N, C-alpha and C. Protein backbone atom coordinates (compact mmCIF):
# COMPACT_ATOMS: atom_id res chain seq x y z
N UNK A 1 -12.42 204.28 -88.59
CA UNK A 1 -11.70 204.24 -89.68
C UNK A 1 -12.13 202.92 -90.66
N UNK A 2 -11.92 201.70 -90.30
CA UNK A 2 -12.41 200.81 -91.22
C UNK A 2 -13.34 199.75 -90.24
N UNK A 3 -14.40 199.49 -90.77
CA UNK A 3 -15.26 198.97 -90.05
C UNK A 3 -16.12 197.73 -90.68
N UNK A 4 -16.79 196.91 -89.83
CA UNK A 4 -17.69 195.81 -91.02
C UNK A 4 -18.66 196.04 -92.08
N UNK A 5 -18.81 197.34 -92.39
CA UNK A 5 -19.74 197.67 -93.17
C UNK A 5 -18.77 197.76 -94.41
N UNK A 6 -17.53 198.21 -94.38
CA UNK A 6 -16.87 198.23 -95.27
C UNK A 6 -16.30 196.83 -95.59
N UNK A 7 -15.88 195.85 -94.92
CA UNK A 7 -15.76 194.63 -95.53
C UNK A 7 -17.00 193.83 -96.31
N UNK A 8 -17.97 194.06 -95.50
CA UNK A 8 -19.59 193.96 -96.34
C UNK A 8 -19.67 194.47 -97.77
N UNK A 9 -19.20 195.70 -97.80
CA UNK A 9 -19.37 196.22 -99.00
C UNK A 9 -18.32 195.76 -100.13
N UNK A 10 -17.13 195.54 -99.53
CA UNK A 10 -16.23 194.68 -100.40
C UNK A 10 -16.62 193.31 -100.96
N UNK A 11 -17.43 192.54 -100.02
CA UNK A 11 -17.88 191.44 -100.52
C UNK A 11 -18.74 191.57 -101.59
N UNK A 12 -19.90 192.77 -101.36
CA UNK A 12 -20.90 192.84 -102.56
C UNK A 12 -20.41 193.28 -103.74
N UNK A 13 -19.41 193.81 -103.68
CA UNK A 13 -18.89 194.59 -104.88
C UNK A 13 -19.07 193.55 -106.11
N UNK A 14 -18.90 192.48 -106.15
CA UNK A 14 -19.24 191.50 -107.34
C UNK A 14 -17.82 191.49 -107.95
N UNK A 15 -17.17 192.53 -108.19
CA UNK A 15 -15.60 192.34 -109.11
C UNK A 15 -14.65 192.04 -108.18
N UNK A 16 -13.98 190.74 -108.53
CA UNK A 16 -13.02 190.49 -107.53
C UNK A 16 -12.11 191.40 -107.76
N UNK A 17 -11.84 192.23 -108.61
CA UNK A 17 -10.53 193.33 -108.55
C UNK A 17 -11.30 194.59 -108.01
N UNK A 18 -12.32 194.90 -107.52
CA UNK A 18 -12.82 195.76 -106.63
C UNK A 18 -11.95 195.89 -105.17
N UNK A 19 -11.55 197.17 -104.79
CA UNK A 19 -10.75 197.05 -103.68
C UNK A 19 -10.94 197.76 -102.72
N UNK A 20 -10.71 197.69 -101.32
CA UNK A 20 -10.88 198.55 -100.18
C UNK A 20 -9.54 199.55 -100.41
N UNK A 21 -9.53 200.71 -100.25
CA UNK A 21 -8.50 201.41 -100.34
C UNK A 21 -8.73 202.37 -99.26
N UNK A 22 -7.58 202.84 -98.89
CA UNK A 22 -7.26 204.42 -97.91
C UNK A 22 -6.98 205.39 -98.49
N UNK A 23 -7.72 206.51 -98.41
CA UNK A 23 -7.39 207.50 -99.19
C UNK A 23 -7.56 209.14 -98.25
N UNK A 24 -6.48 209.52 -97.87
CA UNK A 24 -6.80 210.67 -97.00
C UNK A 24 -7.42 210.47 -95.70
N UNK A 25 -7.13 209.28 -94.95
CA UNK A 25 -7.53 208.79 -93.88
C UNK A 25 -8.94 208.10 -93.97
N UNK A 26 -9.54 208.03 -95.01
CA UNK A 26 -10.76 207.34 -95.21
C UNK A 26 -10.78 206.13 -95.94
N UNK A 27 -11.39 204.77 -95.64
CA UNK A 27 -11.81 203.97 -96.23
C UNK A 27 -12.76 203.93 -96.99
N UNK A 28 -12.34 203.29 -98.29
CA UNK A 28 -13.70 203.13 -99.41
C UNK A 28 -13.40 201.97 -100.24
N UNK A 29 -14.57 201.38 -100.58
CA UNK A 29 -14.34 200.21 -101.59
C UNK A 29 -14.69 200.98 -103.13
N UNK A 30 -13.66 200.60 -103.96
CA UNK A 30 -13.73 201.26 -105.16
C UNK A 30 -13.28 200.02 -106.30
N UNK A 31 -14.36 200.69 -107.49
CA UNK A 31 -14.16 199.55 -108.59
C UNK A 31 -12.71 199.69 -109.20
N UNK A 32 -12.52 198.73 -109.99
CA UNK A 32 -11.13 198.70 -110.70
C UNK A 32 -11.22 199.94 -111.47
N UNK A 33 -12.39 200.21 -112.37
CA UNK A 33 -12.03 201.28 -113.35
C UNK A 33 -11.77 202.95 -112.34
N UNK A 34 -12.40 202.70 -111.19
CA UNK A 34 -12.25 203.88 -110.45
C UNK A 34 -10.78 204.30 -109.78
N UNK A 35 -10.22 202.96 -109.55
CA UNK A 35 -8.98 203.14 -108.99
C UNK A 35 -7.77 204.01 -109.91
N UNK A 36 -7.86 203.75 -111.06
CA UNK A 36 -7.06 204.59 -111.99
C UNK A 36 -7.19 205.79 -112.24
N UNK A 37 -8.40 206.32 -111.77
CA UNK A 37 -8.68 207.67 -111.77
C UNK A 37 -7.76 208.91 -110.91
N UNK A 38 -7.72 209.94 -111.46
CA UNK A 38 -6.99 210.74 -110.70
C UNK A 38 -7.58 211.03 -109.47
N UNK A 39 -9.15 210.95 -109.12
CA UNK A 39 -9.45 210.91 -107.57
C UNK A 39 -8.93 210.11 -106.52
N UNK A 40 -8.24 208.82 -107.31
CA UNK A 40 -7.66 207.92 -106.35
C UNK A 40 -6.27 207.89 -106.50
N UNK A 41 -5.43 208.74 -106.87
CA UNK A 41 -4.32 208.59 -107.04
C UNK A 41 -3.76 208.85 -105.80
N UNK A 42 -2.74 207.86 -105.47
CA UNK A 42 -2.25 207.84 -103.99
C UNK A 42 -2.78 207.15 -102.81
N UNK A 43 -4.10 206.53 -103.57
CA UNK A 43 -4.69 205.78 -102.31
C UNK A 43 -3.67 204.56 -102.20
N UNK A 44 -3.85 203.97 -100.57
CA UNK A 44 -3.35 203.02 -100.49
C UNK A 44 -4.52 201.74 -100.55
N UNK A 45 -3.93 200.59 -101.29
CA UNK A 45 -4.96 199.47 -101.64
C UNK A 45 -4.73 198.45 -100.19
N UNK A 46 -5.73 198.31 -99.65
CA UNK A 46 -5.61 197.26 -98.58
C UNK A 46 -5.84 195.69 -98.85
N UNK A 47 -6.70 195.57 -99.56
CA UNK A 47 -7.29 193.99 -99.90
C UNK A 47 -8.19 194.07 -101.31
N UNK A 48 -8.27 193.19 -102.03
CA UNK A 48 -9.14 193.18 -103.00
C UNK A 48 -10.35 191.99 -102.70
N UNK A 49 -11.28 192.12 -103.53
CA UNK A 49 -12.29 191.33 -103.20
C UNK A 49 -11.94 190.00 -103.52
N UNK A 50 -11.25 189.76 -104.46
CA UNK A 50 -10.56 188.44 -104.62
C UNK A 50 -9.77 187.75 -103.42
N UNK A 51 -9.00 188.78 -103.45
CA UNK A 51 -8.01 188.53 -102.04
C UNK A 51 -8.90 187.88 -100.85
N UNK A 52 -9.75 188.67 -100.49
CA UNK A 52 -10.75 188.97 -99.29
C UNK A 52 -11.25 187.61 -99.15
N UNK A 53 -12.04 187.18 -100.31
CA UNK A 53 -12.65 185.98 -100.68
C UNK A 53 -11.70 184.82 -100.45
N UNK A 54 -10.57 184.73 -100.91
CA UNK A 54 -9.75 183.86 -100.89
C UNK A 54 -9.03 183.64 -99.50
N UNK A 55 -8.88 184.44 -98.88
CA UNK A 55 -8.60 184.40 -97.49
C UNK A 55 -9.52 183.93 -96.76
N UNK A 56 -10.69 184.21 -96.86
CA UNK A 56 -11.85 183.85 -96.08
C UNK A 56 -12.37 182.57 -96.23
N UNK A 57 -11.87 182.15 -97.65
CA UNK A 57 -12.78 180.73 -98.31
C UNK A 57 -14.00 180.86 -98.53
N UNK A 58 -14.90 181.78 -98.25
CA UNK A 58 -16.17 181.85 -98.98
C UNK A 58 -16.62 183.58 -99.02
N UNK A 59 -17.35 184.08 -99.97
CA UNK A 59 -18.15 185.06 -100.23
C UNK A 59 -19.09 185.38 -99.28
N UNK A 60 -19.64 184.41 -98.17
CA UNK A 60 -20.74 184.51 -97.20
C UNK A 60 -20.18 184.26 -95.91
N UNK A 61 -19.04 184.99 -95.49
CA UNK A 61 -18.69 184.82 -94.07
C UNK A 61 -19.64 185.07 -92.89
N UNK A 62 -19.61 184.32 -91.59
CA UNK A 62 -20.04 184.85 -90.55
C UNK A 62 -19.83 186.08 -90.11
N UNK A 63 -20.64 186.51 -89.13
CA UNK A 63 -20.35 188.03 -88.55
C UNK A 63 -19.23 187.95 -87.85
N UNK A 64 -18.99 186.99 -87.31
CA UNK A 64 -17.92 187.05 -86.18
C UNK A 64 -16.74 187.11 -87.31
N UNK A 65 -16.69 186.42 -88.49
CA UNK A 65 -15.46 186.68 -89.36
C UNK A 65 -15.42 187.86 -89.85
N UNK A 66 -16.50 188.53 -90.07
CA UNK A 66 -16.44 189.96 -90.99
C UNK A 66 -15.88 191.00 -89.88
N UNK A 67 -16.23 190.83 -88.45
CA UNK A 67 -15.83 191.45 -87.12
C UNK A 67 -14.23 191.48 -87.17
N UNK A 68 -13.94 189.95 -87.29
CA UNK A 68 -12.31 189.81 -86.96
C UNK A 68 -11.60 190.52 -88.09
N UNK A 69 -12.18 190.47 -89.64
CA UNK A 69 -11.22 190.82 -90.60
C UNK A 69 -11.15 192.33 -90.47
N UNK A 70 -12.52 193.12 -90.03
CA UNK A 70 -12.21 194.76 -89.87
C UNK A 70 -11.38 195.11 -88.82
N UNK A 71 -11.22 194.39 -87.90
CA UNK A 71 -10.23 194.48 -86.72
C UNK A 71 -8.75 194.52 -87.31
N UNK A 72 -8.63 193.46 -87.95
CA UNK A 72 -7.16 193.20 -88.66
C UNK A 72 -6.78 194.22 -89.64
N UNK A 73 -7.79 194.56 -90.58
CA UNK A 73 -7.73 195.70 -91.48
C UNK A 73 -7.38 197.08 -90.77
N UNK A 74 -8.10 197.46 -89.53
CA UNK A 74 -8.01 198.79 -89.01
C UNK A 74 -6.25 198.57 -88.33
N UNK A 75 -5.90 197.57 -87.76
CA UNK A 75 -4.51 197.15 -87.54
C UNK A 75 -3.41 197.56 -88.61
N UNK A 76 -3.78 196.92 -89.61
CA UNK A 76 -3.09 197.02 -90.89
C UNK A 76 -2.80 198.68 -91.40
N UNK A 77 -3.85 199.14 -91.27
CA UNK A 77 -3.91 200.52 -91.67
C UNK A 77 -3.21 201.34 -90.72
N UNK A 78 -3.50 201.11 -89.32
CA UNK A 78 -2.70 202.01 -88.46
C UNK A 78 -1.14 201.63 -88.80
N UNK A 79 -0.78 200.59 -88.85
CA UNK A 79 0.63 200.16 -88.95
C UNK A 79 1.24 200.76 -90.25
N UNK A 80 0.47 201.02 -91.21
CA UNK A 80 1.23 201.70 -92.37
C UNK A 80 0.89 203.18 -92.44
N UNK A 81 0.21 203.59 -91.20
CA UNK A 81 0.39 204.95 -90.94
C UNK A 81 -0.91 205.91 -91.87
N UNK A 82 -1.85 204.97 -92.04
CA UNK A 82 -2.86 205.62 -92.63
C UNK A 82 -3.97 206.13 -92.05
């Protein structure tokens, strides 16, 4: 479901309002303008890029930090039933 590439994609998004969302069991990084579209109606927002950078304290985390965060996000998604 959520893996390290999703975390890296979110970090690379550039826009702090870009978000990692879950839609129909799939994780996707979505730009703010797309999130408001019908295509993403009902998507669960897990984390924005701004929140991610704030949580990590950097926009260039180590591989270990990325792995750890991906694991945490997978757990979060499982707990909300996505």
